Amino acid sequence: EGITDIDIHDINYGKRLGYALKLLAVGKNSDSGIEVRVHPAFIKNSH
């Protein structure tokens, strides 16, 4: 999922909530299986 639909209002609300918006690539390997995804996501400013 890309960033073309990202609205500045969401970035501003995210900042109020203590988040930064990034296009993240996420890969996880758990007992449930492997998940791999690319999409915009909010992450805490402490990360």
PDB file of all heavy atoms in Angstrom:
ATOM      1  N   GLU A   1       0.866  -1.178   0.000  1.00  0.00           N
ATOM      2  CA  GLU A   1       0.000   0.000   0.000  1.00  0.00           C
ATOM      3  C   GLU A   1       0.903   1.229   0.000  1.00  0.00           C
ATOM      4  O   GLU A   1       1.844   1.310   0.798  1.00  0.00           O
ATOM      5  CB  GLU A   1      -0.882  -0.038   1.249  1.00  0.00           C
ATOM      6  CG  GLU A   1      -1.948   1.014   1.336  1.00  0.00           C
ATOM      7  CD  GLU A   1      -2.757   0.857   2.626  1.00  0.00           C
ATOM      8  OE1 GLU A   1      -3.223  -0.268   2.914  1.00  0.00           O
ATOM      9  OE2 GLU A   1      -2.891   1.858   3.348  1.00  0.00           O
ATOM     10  N   GLY A   2       0.645   2.184  -0.884  1.00  0.00           N
ATOM     11  CA  GLY A   2       1.512   3.349  -1.010  1.00  0.00           C
ATOM     12  C   GLY A   2       1.051   4.543  -0.196  1.00  0.00           C
ATOM     13  O   GLY A   2       0.182   4.439   0.672  1.00  0.00           O
ATOM     14  N   ILE A   3       1.637   5.716  -0.507  1.00  0.00           N
ATOM     15  CA  ILE A   3       1.377   6.926   0.283  1.00  0.00           C
ATOM     16  C   ILE A   3       0.565   7.965  -0.478  1.00  0.00           C
ATOM     17  O   ILE A   3       0.358   9.075   0.034  1.00  0.00           O
ATOM     18  CB  ILE A   3       2.698   7.564   0.762  1.00  0.00           C
ATOM     19  CG1 ILE A   3       3.507   8.111  -0.429  1.00  0.00           C
ATOM     20  CG2 ILE A   3       3.517   6.574   1.573  1.00  0.00           C
ATOM     21  CD1 ILE A   3       4.644   9.036  -0.007  1.00  0.00           C
ATOM     22  N   THR A   4       0.085   7.644  -1.665  1.00  0.00           N
ATOM     23  CA  THR A   4      -0.550   8.666  -2.502  1.00  0.00           C
ATOM     24  C   THR A   4      -1.844   9.213  -1.899  1.00  0.00           C
ATOM     25  O   THR A   4      -2.260  10.320  -2.248  1.00  0.00           O
ATOM     26  CB  THR A   4      -0.834   8.116  -3.908  1.00  0.00           C
ATOM     27  OG1 THR A   4      -1.571   6.882  -3.796  1.00  0.00           O
ATOM     28  CG2 THR A   4       0.463   7.829  -4.653  1.00  0.00           C
ATOM     29  N   ASP A   5      -2.479   8.468  -1.009  1.00  0.00           N
ATOM     30  CA  ASP A   5      -3.736   8.929  -0.406  1.00  0.00           C
ATOM     31  C   ASP A   5      -3.545   9.556   0.973  1.00  0.00           C
ATOM     32  O   ASP A   5      -4.528   9.885   1.654  1.00  0.00           O
ATOM     33  CB  ASP A   5      -4.727   7.762  -0.294  1.00  0.00           C
ATOM     34  CG  ASP A   5      -5.206   7.278  -1.657  1.00  0.00           C
ATOM     35  OD1 ASP A   5      -5.271   8.103  -2.587  1.00  0.00           O
ATOM     36  OD2 ASP A   5      -5.497   6.073  -1.788  1.00  0.00           O
ATOM     37  N   ILE A   6      -2.301   9.745   1.376  1.00  0.00           N
ATOM     38  CA  ILE A   6      -2.056  10.321   2.698  1.00  0.00           C
ATOM     39  C   ILE A   6      -2.478  11.790   2.717  1.00  0.00           C
ATOM     40  O   ILE A   6      -2.120  12.574   1.828  1.00  0.00           O
ATOM     41  CB  ILE A   6      -0.565  10.188   3.087  1.00  0.00           C
ATOM     42  CG1 ILE A   6      -0.202   8.716   3.303  1.00  0.00           C
ATOM     43  CG2 ILE A   6      -0.257  11.009   4.338  1.00  0.00           C
ATOM     44  CD1 ILE A   6      -0.974   8.048   4.419  1.00  0.00           C
ATOM     45  N   ASP A   7      -3.234  12.141   3.738  1.00  0.00           N
ATOM     46  CA  ASP A   7      -3.760  13.498   3.881  1.00  0.00           C
ATOM     47  C   ASP A   7      -2.996  14.215   4.995  1.00  0.00           C
ATOM     48  O   ASP A   7      -2.714  13.632   6.048  1.00  0.00           O
ATOM     49  CB  ASP A   7      -5.250  13.410   4.235  1.00  0.00           C
ATOM     50  CG  ASP A   7      -5.958  14.752   4.146  1.00  0.00           C
ATOM     51  OD1 ASP A   7      -5.551  15.687   4.862  1.00  0.00           O
ATOM     52  OD2 ASP A   7      -6.929  14.852   3.360  1.00  0.00           O
ATOM     53  N   ILE A   8      -2.682  15.475   4.767  1.00  0.00           N
ATOM     54  CA  ILE A   8      -1.932  16.242   5.760  1.00  0.00           C
ATOM     55  C   ILE A   8      -2.681  16.313   7.090  1.00  0.00           C
ATOM     56  O   ILE A   8      -2.062  16.381   8.164  1.00  0.00           O
ATOM     57  CB  ILE A   8      -1.628  17.664   5.237  1.00  0.00           C
ATOM     58  CG1 ILE A   8      -0.690  18.410   6.192  1.00  0.00           C
ATOM     59  CG2 ILE A   8      -2.897  18.442   4.983  1.00  0.00           C
ATOM     60  CD1 ILE A   8       0.662  17.768   6.366  1.00  0.00           C
ATOM     61  N   HIS A   9      -4.018  16.239   7.050  1.00  0.00           N
ATOM     62  CA  HIS A   9      -4.783  16.265   8.296  1.00  0.00           C
ATOM     63  C   HIS A   9      -4.432  15.071   9.185  1.00  0.00           C
ATOM     64  O   HIS A   9      -4.335  15.191  10.410  1.00  0.00           O
ATOM     65  CB  HIS A   9      -6.288  16.258   8.002  1.00  0.00           C
ATOM     66  CG  HIS A   9      -6.774  17.525   7.362  1.00  0.00           C
ATOM     67  ND1 HIS A   9      -6.991  17.636   6.015  1.00  0.00           N
ATOM     68  CD2 HIS A   9      -7.067  18.730   7.898  1.00  0.00           C
ATOM     69  CE1 HIS A   9      -7.415  18.857   5.744  1.00  0.00           C
ATOM     70  NE2 HIS A   9      -7.462  19.545   6.859  1.00  0.00           N
ATOM     71  N   ASP A  10      -4.220  13.902   8.561  1.00  0.00           N
ATOM     72  CA  ASP A  10      -3.877  12.715   9.351  1.00  0.00           C
ATOM     73  C   ASP A  10      -2.488  12.845   9.960  1.00  0.00           C
ATOM     74  O   ASP A  10      -2.270  12.441  11.112  1.00  0.00           O
ATOM     75  CB  ASP A  10      -3.974  11.464   8.470  1.00  0.00           C
ATOM     76  CG  ASP A  10      -5.397  11.199   8.017  1.00  0.00           C
ATOM     77  OD1 ASP A  10      -6.303  11.266   8.858  1.00  0.00           O
ATOM     78  OD2 ASP A  10      -5.598  10.955   6.817  1.00  0.00           O
ATOM     79  N   ILE A  11      -1.551  13.398   9.215  1.00  0.00           N
ATOM     80  CA  ILE A  11      -0.217  13.619   9.772  1.00  0.00           C
ATOM     81  C   ILE A  11      -0.299  14.549  10.982  1.00  0.00           C
ATOM     82  O   ILE A  11       0.331  14.309  12.015  1.00  0.00           O
ATOM     83  CB  ILE A  11       0.727  14.200   8.693  1.00  0.00           C
ATOM     84  CG1 ILE A  11       1.021  13.132   7.627  1.00  0.00           C
ATOM     85  CG2 ILE A  11       2.028  14.698   9.322  1.00  0.00           C
ATOM     86  CD1 ILE A  11       1.896  13.611   6.497  1.00  0.00           C
ATOM     87  N   ASN A  12      -1.108  15.602  10.870  1.00  0.00           N
ATOM     88  CA  ASN A  12      -1.229  16.564  11.972  1.00  0.00           C
ATOM     89  C   ASN A  12      -1.915  15.944  13.192  1.00  0.00           C
ATOM     90  O   ASN A  12      -1.487  16.177  14.332  1.00  0.00           O
ATOM     91  CB  ASN A  12      -1.993  17.796  11.496  1.00  0.00           C
ATOM     92  CG  ASN A  12      -1.177  18.625  10.519  1.00  0.00           C
ATOM     93  OD1 ASN A  12       0.055  18.575  10.534  1.00  0.00           O
ATOM     94  ND2 ASN A  12      -1.846  19.385   9.671  1.00  0.00           N
ATOM     95  N   TYR A  13      -2.964  15.159  12.972  1.00  0.00           N
ATOM     96  CA  TYR A  13      -3.607  14.484  14.108  1.00  0.00           C
ATOM     97  C   TYR A  13      -2.641  13.485  14.740  1.00  0.00           C
ATOM     98  O   TYR A  13      -2.594  13.334  15.973  1.00  0.00           O
ATOM     99  CB  TYR A  13      -4.882  13.773  13.665  1.00  0.00           C
ATOM    100  CG  TYR A  13      -6.073  14.685  13.494  1.00  0.00           C
ATOM    101  CD1 TYR A  13      -6.731  14.784  12.268  1.00  0.00           C
ATOM    102  CD2 TYR A  13      -6.544  15.446  14.555  1.00  0.00           C
ATOM    103  CE1 TYR A  13      -7.824  15.626  12.104  1.00  0.00           C
ATOM    104  CE2 TYR A  13      -7.638  16.295  14.413  1.00  0.00           C
ATOM    105  CZ  TYR A  13      -8.276  16.380  13.177  1.00  0.00           C
ATOM    106  OH  TYR A  13      -9.359  17.209  13.023  1.00  0.00           O
ATOM    107  N   GLY A  14      -1.872  12.790  13.908  1.00  0.00           N
ATOM    108  CA  GLY A  14      -0.884  11.854  14.431  1.00  0.00           C
ATOM    109  C   GLY A  14       0.130  12.546  15.325  1.00  0.00           C
ATOM    110  O   GLY A  14       0.505  12.032  16.390  1.00  0.00           O
ATOM    111  N   LYS A  15       0.568  13.726  14.922  1.00  0.00           N
ATOM    112  CA  LYS A  15       1.521  14.483  15.736  1.00  0.00           C
ATOM    113  C   LYS A  15       0.922  14.843  17.094  1.00  0.00           C
ATOM    114  O   LYS A  15       1.605  14.788  18.125  1.00  0.00           O
ATOM    115  CB  LYS A  15       1.954  15.743  14.985  1.00  0.00           C
ATOM    116  CG  LYS A  15       2.864  15.453  13.796  1.00  0.00           C
ATOM    117  CD  LYS A  15       3.007  16.632  12.862  1.00  0.00           C
ATOM    118  CE  LYS A  15       3.884  17.709  13.424  1.00  0.00           C
ATOM    119  NZ  LYS A  15       4.136  18.781  12.436  1.00  0.00           N
ATOM    120  N   ARG A  16      -0.374  15.182  17.096  1.00  0.00           N
ATOM    121  CA  ARG A  16      -1.046  15.487  18.369  1.00  0.00           C
ATOM    122  C   ARG A  16      -1.085  14.262  19.277  1.00  0.00           C
ATOM    123  O   ARG A  16      -1.043  14.385  20.513  1.00  0.00           O
ATOM    124  CB  ARG A  16      -2.468  15.985  18.095  1.00  0.00           C
ATOM    125  CG  ARG A  16      -2.532  17.388  17.565  1.00  0.00           C
ATOM    126  CD  ARG A  16      -3.953  17.789  17.189  1.00  0.00           C
ATOM    127  NE  ARG A  16      -4.890  17.728  18.320  1.00  0.00           N
ATOM    128  CZ  ARG A  16      -6.170  18.070  18.221  1.00  0.00           C
ATOM    129  NH1 ARG A  16      -6.658  18.499  17.062  1.00  0.00           N
ATOM    130  NH2 ARG A  16      -6.960  17.983  19.279  1.00  0.00           N
ATOM    131  N   LEU A  17      -1.143  13.093  18.677  1.00  0.00           N
ATOM    132  CA  LEU A  17      -1.210  11.850  19.451  1.00  0.00           C
ATOM    133  C   LEU A  17       0.178  11.296  19.796  1.00  0.00           C
ATOM    134  O   LEU A  17       0.282  10.271  20.469  1.00  0.00           O
ATOM    135  CB  LEU A  17      -1.996  10.801  18.661  1.00  0.00           C
ATOM    136  CG  LEU A  17      -3.498  11.067  18.504  1.00  0.00           C
ATOM    137  CD1 LEU A  17      -4.081  10.229  17.373  1.00  0.00           C
ATOM    138  CD2 LEU A  17      -4.223  10.755  19.821  1.00  0.00           C
ATOM    139  N   GLY A  18       1.233  11.979  19.315  1.00  0.00           N
ATOM    140  CA  GLY A  18       2.591  11.518  19.616  1.00  0.00           C
ATOM    141  C   GLY A  18       3.142  10.516  18.638  1.00  0.00           C
ATOM    142  O   GLY A  18       4.003   9.700  18.991  1.00  0.00           O
ATOM    143  N   TYR A  19       2.665  10.573  17.378  1.00  0.00           N
ATOM    144  CA  TYR A  19       3.097   9.626  16.354  1.00  0.00           C
ATOM    145  C   TYR A  19       3.819  10.328  15.205  1.00  0.00           C
ATOM    146  O   TYR A  19       3.568  11.502  14.910  1.00  0.00           O
ATOM    147  CB  TYR A  19       1.889   8.896  15.748  1.00  0.00           C
ATOM    148  CG  TYR A  19       1.107   8.021  16.689  1.00  0.00           C
ATOM    149  CD1 TYR A  19      -0.265   8.229  16.888  1.00  0.00           C
ATOM    150  CD2 TYR A  19       1.716   6.974  17.370  1.00  0.00           C
ATOM    151  CE1 TYR A  19      -1.002   7.428  17.740  1.00  0.00           C
ATOM    152  CE2 TYR A  19       0.985   6.158  18.226  1.00  0.00           C
ATOM    153  CZ  TYR A  19      -0.372   6.387  18.408  1.00  0.00           C
ATOM    154  OH  TYR A  19      -1.099   5.587  19.249  1.00  0.00           O
ATOM    155  N   ALA A  20       4.681   9.576  14.536  1.00  0.00           N
ATOM    156  CA  ALA A  20       5.262   9.976  13.255  1.00  0.00           C
ATOM    157  C   ALA A  20       4.735   9.023  12.198  1.00  0.00           C
ATOM    158  O   ALA A  20       4.541   7.828  12.467  1.00  0.00           O
ATOM    159  CB  ALA A  20       6.786   9.908  13.314  1.00  0.00           C
ATOM    160  N   LEU A  21       4.499   9.539  10.993  1.00  0.00           N
ATOM    161  CA  LEU A  21       3.984   8.704   9.904  1.00  0.00           C
ATOM    162  C   LEU A  21       5.118   8.318   8.967  1.00  0.00           C
ATOM    163  O   LEU A  21       5.855   9.187   8.488  1.00  0.00           O
ATOM    164  CB  LEU A  21       2.894   9.437   9.130  1.00  0.00           C
ATOM    165  CG  LEU A  21       2.184   8.606   8.056  1.00  0.00           C
ATOM    166  CD1 LEU A  21       1.403   7.460   8.695  1.00  0.00           C
ATOM    167  CD2 LEU A  21       1.264   9.469   7.213  1.00  0.00           C
ATOM    168  N   LYS A  22       5.265   7.030   8.715  1.00  0.00           N
ATOM    169  CA  LYS A  22       6.319   6.515   7.850  1.00  0.00           C
ATOM    170  C   LYS A  22       5.740   5.453   6.913  1.00  0.00           C
ATOM    171  O   LYS A  22       4.734   4.805   7.245  1.00  0.00           O
ATOM    172  CB  LYS A  22       7.435   5.865   8.689  1.00  0.00           C
ATOM    173  CG  LYS A  22       8.086   6.782   9.713  1.00  0.00           C
ATOM    174  CD  LYS A  22       8.886   7.896   9.056  1.00  0.00           C
ATOM    175  CE  LYS A  22       9.566   8.777  10.088  1.00  0.00           C
ATOM    176  NZ  LYS A  22      10.316   9.892   9.436  1.00  0.00           N
ATOM    177  N   LEU A  23       6.368   5.285   5.759  1.00  0.00           N
ATOM    178  CA  LEU A  23       6.076   4.106   4.941  1.00  0.00           C
ATOM    179  C   LEU A  23       6.965   2.998   5.484  1.00  0.00           C
ATOM    180  O   LEU A  23       8.194   3.044   5.349  1.00  0.00           O
ATOM    181  CB  LEU A  23       6.372   4.343   3.461  1.00  0.00           C
ATOM    182  CG  LEU A  23       6.036   3.134   2.574  1.00  0.00           C
ATOM    183  CD1 LEU A  23       4.528   2.981   2.408  1.00  0.00           C
ATOM    184  CD2 LEU A  23       6.701   3.238   1.204  1.00  0.00           C
ATOM    185  N   LEU A  24       6.352   2.006   6.110  1.00  0.00           N
ATOM    186  CA  LEU A  24       7.113   0.948   6.768  1.00  0.00           C
ATOM    187  C   LEU A  24       7.057  -0.353   5.979  1.00  0.00           C
ATOM    188  O   LEU A  24       6.032  -0.691   5.376  1.00  0.00           O
ATOM    189  CB  LEU A  24       6.564   0.691   8.170  1.00  0.00           C
ATOM    190  CG  LEU A  24       6.750   1.783   9.219  1.00  0.00           C
ATOM    191  CD1 LEU A  24       6.252   1.290  10.573  1.00  0.00           C
ATOM    192  CD2 LEU A  24       8.199   2.234   9.319  1.00  0.00           C
ATOM    193  N   ALA A  25       8.160  -1.059   6.010  1.00  0.00           N
ATOM    194  CA  ALA A  25       8.216  -2.448   5.549  1.00  0.00           C
ATOM    195  C   ALA A  25       8.296  -3.310   6.789  1.00  0.00           C
ATOM    196  O   ALA A  25       9.206  -3.137   7.615  1.00  0.00           O
ATOM    197  CB  ALA A  25       9.430  -2.670   4.657  1.00  0.00           C
ATOM    198  N   VAL A  26       7.341  -4.202   6.949  1.00  0.00           N
ATOM    199  CA  VAL A  26       7.249  -5.008   8.169  1.00  0.00           C
ATOM    200  C   VAL A  26       7.304  -6.487   7.817  1.00  0.00           C
ATOM    201  O   VAL A  26       6.549  -6.967   6.956  1.00  0.00           O
ATOM    202  CB  VAL A  26       5.925  -4.715   8.923  1.00  0.00           C
ATOM    203  CG1 VAL A  26       5.821  -5.586  10.178  1.00  0.00           C
ATOM    204  CG2 VAL A  26       5.815  -3.237   9.274  1.00  0.00           C
ATOM    205  N   GLY A  27       8.197  -7.203   8.462  1.00  0.00           N
ATOM    206  CA  GLY A  27       8.275  -8.651   8.312  1.00  0.00           C
ATOM    207  C   GLY A  27       8.282  -9.301   9.680  1.00  0.00           C
ATOM    208  O   GLY A  27       9.022  -8.858  10.574  1.00  0.00           O
ATOM    209  N   LYS A  28       7.446 -10.318   9.877  1.00  0.00           N
ATOM    210  CA  LYS A  28       7.384 -11.012  11.159  1.00  0.00           C
ATOM    211  C   LYS A  28       7.366 -12.515  10.928  1.00  0.00           C
ATOM    212  O   LYS A  28       6.769 -13.000   9.965  1.00  0.00           O
ATOM    213  CB  LYS A  28       6.130 -10.605  11.938  1.00  0.00           C
ATOM    214  CG  LYS A  28       6.095  -9.153  12.372  1.00  0.00           C
ATOM    215  CD  LYS A  28       4.847  -8.860  13.190  1.00  0.00           C
ATOM    216  CE  LYS A  28       4.810  -7.420  13.657  1.00  0.00           C
ATOM    217  NZ  LYS A  28       3.600  -7.125  14.464  1.00  0.00           N
ATOM    218  N   ASN A  29       8.019 -13.223  11.817  1.00  0.00           N
ATOM    219  CA  ASN A  29       8.060 -14.680  11.752  1.00  0.00           C
ATOM    220  C   ASN A  29       7.650 -15.222  13.119  1.00  0.00           C
ATOM    221  O   ASN A  29       8.387 -15.105  14.092  1.00  0.00           O
ATOM    222  CB  ASN A  29       9.472 -15.154  11.395  1.00  0.00           C
ATOM    223  CG  ASN A  29       9.538 -16.647  11.184  1.00  0.00           C
ATOM    224  OD1 ASN A  29       8.512 -17.309  11.031  1.00  0.00           O
ATOM    225  ND2 ASN A  29      10.749 -17.192  11.171  1.00  0.00           N
ATOM    226  N   SER A  30       6.443 -15.777  13.198  1.00  0.00           N
ATOM    227  CA  SER A  30       5.927 -16.265  14.468  1.00  0.00           C
ATOM    228  C   SER A  30       5.332 -17.656  14.287  1.00  0.00           C
ATOM    229  O   SER A  30       5.342 -18.216  13.185  1.00  0.00           O
ATOM    230  CB  SER A  30       4.841 -15.309  14.985  1.00  0.00           C
ATOM    231  OG  SER A  30       3.698 -15.346  14.138  1.00  0.00           O
ATOM    232  N   ASP A  31       4.809 -18.202  15.362  1.00  0.00           N
ATOM    233  CA  ASP A  31       4.178 -19.517  15.278  1.00  0.00           C
ATOM    234  C   ASP A  31       2.973 -19.507  14.339  1.00  0.00           C
ATOM    235  O   ASP A  31       2.598 -20.545  13.789  1.00  0.00           O
ATOM    236  CB  ASP A  31       3.737 -19.975  16.673  1.00  0.00           C
ATOM    237  CG  ASP A  31       4.919 -20.252  17.591  1.00  0.00           C
ATOM    238  OD1 ASP A  31       6.028 -20.480  17.072  1.00  0.00           O
ATOM    239  OD2 ASP A  31       4.739 -20.222  18.823  1.00  0.00           O
ATOM    240  N   SER A  32       2.362 -18.329  14.158  1.00  0.00           N
ATOM    241  CA  SER A  32       1.203 -18.228  13.263  1.00  0.00           C
ATOM    242  C   SER A  32       1.600 -18.248  11.793  1.00  0.00           C
ATOM    243  O   SER A  32       0.773 -18.504  10.925  1.00  0.00           O
ATOM    244  CB  SER A  32       0.432 -16.934  13.561  1.00  0.00           C
ATOM    245  OG  SER A  32      -0.024 -16.925  14.891  1.00  0.00           O
ATOM    246  N   GLY A  33       2.882 -17.945  11.518  1.00  0.00           N
ATOM    247  CA  GLY A  33       3.358 -17.910  10.145  1.00  0.00           C
ATOM    248  C   GLY A  33       4.142 -16.641   9.877  1.00  0.00           C
ATOM    249  O   GLY A  33       4.512 -15.898  10.806  1.00  0.00           O
ATOM    250  N   ILE A  34       4.384 -16.377   8.622  1.00  0.00           N
ATOM    251  CA  ILE A  34       5.163 -15.212   8.203  1.00  0.00           C
ATOM    252  C   ILE A  34       4.220 -14.150   7.648  1.00  0.00           C
ATOM    253  O   ILE A  34       3.330 -14.451   6.849  1.00  0.00           O
ATOM    254  CB  ILE A  34       6.205 -15.607   7.141  1.00  0.00           C
ATOM    255  CG1 ILE A  34       7.315 -16.441   7.793  1.00  0.00           C
ATOM    256  CG2 ILE A  34       6.798 -14.371   6.461  1.00  0.00           C
ATOM    257  CD1 ILE A  34       8.287 -17.044   6.817  1.00  0.00           C
ATOM    258  N   GLU A  35       4.416 -12.917   8.093  1.00  0.00           N
ATOM    259  CA  GLU A  35       3.667 -11.807   7.499  1.00  0.00           C
ATOM    260  C   GLU A  35       4.650 -10.781   6.956  1.00  0.00           C
ATOM    261  O   GLU A  35       5.656 -10.469   7.589  1.00  0.00           O
ATOM    262  CB  GLU A  35       2.706 -11.169   8.501  1.00  0.00           C
ATOM    263  CG  GLU A  35       3.325 -10.543   9.719  1.00  0.00           C
ATOM    264  CD  GLU A  35       2.266  -9.921  10.632  1.00  0.00           C
ATOM    265  OE1 GLU A  35       1.660 -10.678  11.418  1.00  0.00           O
ATOM    266  OE2 GLU A  35       2.054  -8.694  10.542  1.00  0.00           O
ATOM    267  N   VAL A  36       4.351 -10.301   5.762  1.00  0.00           N
ATOM    268  CA  VAL A  36       5.207  -9.319   5.100  1.00  0.00           C
ATOM    269  C   VAL A  36       4.307  -8.259   4.483  1.00  0.00           C
ATOM    270  O   VAL A  36       3.423  -8.566   3.696  1.00  0.00           O
ATOM    271  CB  VAL A  36       6.114  -9.968   4.035  1.00  0.00           C
ATOM    272  CG1 VAL A  36       7.355 -10.564   4.646  1.00  0.00           C
ATOM    273  CG2 VAL A  36       5.377 -11.049   3.236  1.00  0.00           C
ATOM    274  N   ARG A  37       4.552  -7.017   4.842  1.00  0.00           N
ATOM    275  CA  ARG A  37       3.659  -5.956   4.382  1.00  0.00           C
ATOM    276  C   ARG A  37       4.394  -4.620   4.288  1.00  0.00           C
ATOM    277  O   ARG A  37       5.304  -4.336   5.075  1.00  0.00           O
ATOM    278  CB  ARG A  37       2.460  -5.836   5.322  1.00  0.00           C
ATOM    279  CG  ARG A  37       2.781  -5.871   6.806  1.00  0.00           C
ATOM    280  CD  ARG A  37       1.516  -6.079   7.645  1.00  0.00           C
ATOM    281  NE  ARG A  37       1.783  -6.391   9.038  1.00  0.00           N
ATOM    282  CZ  ARG A  37       1.698  -5.514  10.049  1.00  0.00           C
ATOM    283  NH1 ARG A  37       1.365  -4.260   9.803  1.00  0.00           N
ATOM    284  NH2 ARG A  37       1.932  -5.895  11.293  1.00  0.00           N
ATOM    285  N   VAL A  38       3.991  -3.834   3.314  1.00  0.00           N
ATOM    286  CA  VAL A  38       4.508  -2.476   3.121  1.00  0.00           C
ATOM    287  C   VAL A  38       3.314  -1.541   3.102  1.00  0.00           C
ATOM    288  O   VAL A  38       2.391  -1.718   2.303  1.00  0.00           O
ATOM    289  CB  VAL A  38       5.287  -2.360   1.793  1.00  0.00           C
ATOM    290  CG1 VAL A  38       5.599  -0.900   1.475  1.00  0.00           C
ATOM    291  CG2 VAL A  38       6.564  -3.178   1.838  1.00  0.00           C
ATOM    292  N   HIS A  39       3.322  -0.548   3.972  1.00  0.00           N
ATOM    293  CA  HIS A  39       2.191   0.375   4.038  1.00  0.00           C
ATOM    294  C   HIS A  39       2.549   1.572   4.924  1.00  0.00           C
ATOM    295  O   HIS A  39       3.482   1.506   5.730  1.00  0.00           O
ATOM    296  CB  HIS A  39       0.951  -0.321   4.617  1.00  0.00           C
ATOM    297  CG  HIS A  39       1.195  -1.003   5.924  1.00  0.00           C
ATOM    298  ND1 HIS A  39       1.422  -0.322   7.101  1.00  0.00           N
ATOM    299  CD2 HIS A  39       1.264  -2.320   6.251  1.00  0.00           C
ATOM    300  CE1 HIS A  39       1.614  -1.175   8.092  1.00  0.00           C
ATOM    301  NE2 HIS A  39       1.527  -2.406   7.598  1.00  0.00           N
ATOM    302  N   PRO A  40       1.813   2.675   4.808  1.00  0.00           N
ATOM    303  CA  PRO A  40       2.016   3.778   5.741  1.00  0.00           C
ATOM    304  C   PRO A  40       1.603   3.335   7.145  1.00  0.00           C
ATOM    305  O   PRO A  40       0.659   2.554   7.300  1.00  0.00           O
ATOM    306  CB  PRO A  40       1.064   4.870   5.234  1.00  0.00           C
ATOM    307  CG  PRO A  40       0.693   4.473   3.844  1.00  0.00           C
ATOM    308  CD  PRO A  40       0.764   2.975   3.811  1.00  0.00           C
ATOM    309  N   ALA A  41       2.297   3.834   8.142  1.00  0.00           N
ATOM    310  CA  ALA A  41       1.969   3.473   9.519  1.00  0.00           C
ATOM    311  C   ALA A  41       2.421   4.570  10.462  1.00  0.00           C
ATOM    312  O   ALA A  41       3.427   5.250  10.220  1.00  0.00           O
ATOM    313  CB  ALA A  41       2.625   2.150   9.911  1.00  0.00           C
ATOM    314  N   PHE A  42       1.665   4.731  11.526  1.00  0.00           N
ATOM    315  CA  PHE A  42       2.079   5.604  12.612  1.00  0.00           C
ATOM    316  C   PHE A  42       2.948   4.805  13.572  1.00  0.00           C
ATOM    317  O   PHE A  42       2.653   3.640  13.878  1.00  0.00           O
ATOM    318  CB  PHE A  42       0.860   6.136  13.379  1.00  0.00           C
ATOM    319  CG  PHE A  42       0.156   7.275  12.697  1.00  0.00           C
ATOM    320  CD1 PHE A  42      -1.186   7.178  12.364  1.00  0.00           C
ATOM    321  CD2 PHE A  42       0.828   8.457  12.408  1.00  0.00           C
ATOM    322  CE1 PHE A  42      -1.849   8.234  11.747  1.00  0.00           C
ATOM    323  CE2 PHE A  42       0.180   9.522  11.786  1.00  0.00           C
ATOM    324  CZ  PHE A  42      -1.164   9.405  11.458  1.00  0.00           C
ATOM    325  N   ILE A  43       4.020   5.448  14.042  1.00  0.00           N
ATOM    326  CA  ILE A  43       4.852   4.855  15.085  1.00  0.00           C
ATOM    327  C   ILE A  43       5.077   5.907  16.168  1.00  0.00           C
ATOM    328  O   ILE A  43       5.154   7.106  15.888  1.00  0.00           O
ATOM    329  CB  ILE A  43       6.215   4.345  14.552  1.00  0.00           C
ATOM    330  CG1 ILE A  43       6.912   5.403  13.703  1.00  0.00           C
ATOM    331  CG2 ILE A  43       6.059   3.068  13.778  1.00  0.00           C
ATOM    332  CD1 ILE A  43       8.280   4.980  13.211  1.00  0.00           C
ATOM    333  N   LYS A  44       5.150   5.466  17.411  1.00  0.00           N
ATOM    334  CA  LYS A  44       5.349   6.376  18.534  1.00  0.00           C
ATOM    335  C   LYS A  44       6.654   7.159  18.369  1.00  0.00           C
ATOM    336  O   LYS A  44       7.660   6.623  17.906  1.00  0.00           O
ATOM    337  CB  LYS A  44       5.374   5.602  19.852  1.00  0.00           C
ATOM    338  CG  LYS A  44       3.989   5.266  20.405  1.00  0.00           C
ATOM    339  CD  LYS A  44       3.312   6.519  20.956  1.00  0.00           C
ATOM    340  CE  LYS A  44       2.010   6.166  21.674  1.00  0.00           C
ATOM    341  NZ  LYS A  44       1.310   7.414  22.127  1.00  0.00           N
ATOM    342  N   ASN A  45       6.633   8.413  18.781  1.00  0.00           N
ATOM    343  CA  ASN A  45       7.830   9.251  18.671  1.00  0.00           C
ATOM    344  C   ASN A  45       9.002   8.695  19.469  1.00  0.00           C
ATOM    345  O   ASN A  45      10.158   9.042  19.202  1.00  0.00           O
ATOM    346  CB  ASN A  45       7.518  10.672  19.140  1.00  0.00           C
ATOM    347  CG  ASN A  45       6.638  11.419  18.160  1.00  0.00           C
ATOM    348  OD1 ASN A  45       6.656  11.157  16.962  1.00  0.00           O
ATOM    349  ND2 ASN A  45       5.847  12.364  18.669  1.00  0.00           N
ATOM    350  N   SER A  46       8.713   7.839  20.449  1.00  0.00           N
ATOM    351  CA  SER A  46       9.778   7.244  21.260  1.00  0.00           C
ATOM    352  C   SER A  46      10.503   6.108  20.539  1.00  0.00           C
ATOM    353  O   SER A  46      11.577   5.682  20.971  1.00  0.00           O
ATOM    354  CB  SER A  46       9.195   6.717  22.575  1.00  0.00           C
ATOM    355  OG  SER A  46       8.146   5.779  22.321  1.00  0.00           O
ATOM    356  N   HIS A  47       9.940   5.626  19.432  1.00  0.00           N
ATOM    357  CA  HIS A  47      10.576   4.537  18.686  1.00  0.00           C
ATOM    358  C   HIS A  47      11.744   5.094  17.869  1.00  0.00           C
ATOM    359  O   HIS A  47      11.640   6.175  17.287  1.00  0.00           O
ATOM    360  CB  HIS A  47       9.557   3.874  17.758  1.00  0.00           C
ATOM    361  CG  HIS A  47      10.014   2.553  17.213  1.00  0.00           C
ATOM    362  ND1 HIS A  47      11.017   2.434  16.265  1.00  0.00           N
ATOM    363  CD2 HIS A  47       9.598   1.286  17.476  1.00  0.00           C
ATOM    364  CE1 HIS A  47      11.197   1.158  15.975  1.00  0.00           C
ATOM    365  NE2 HIS A  47      10.370   0.450  16.701  1.00  0.00           N
TER     366      HIS A  47
END
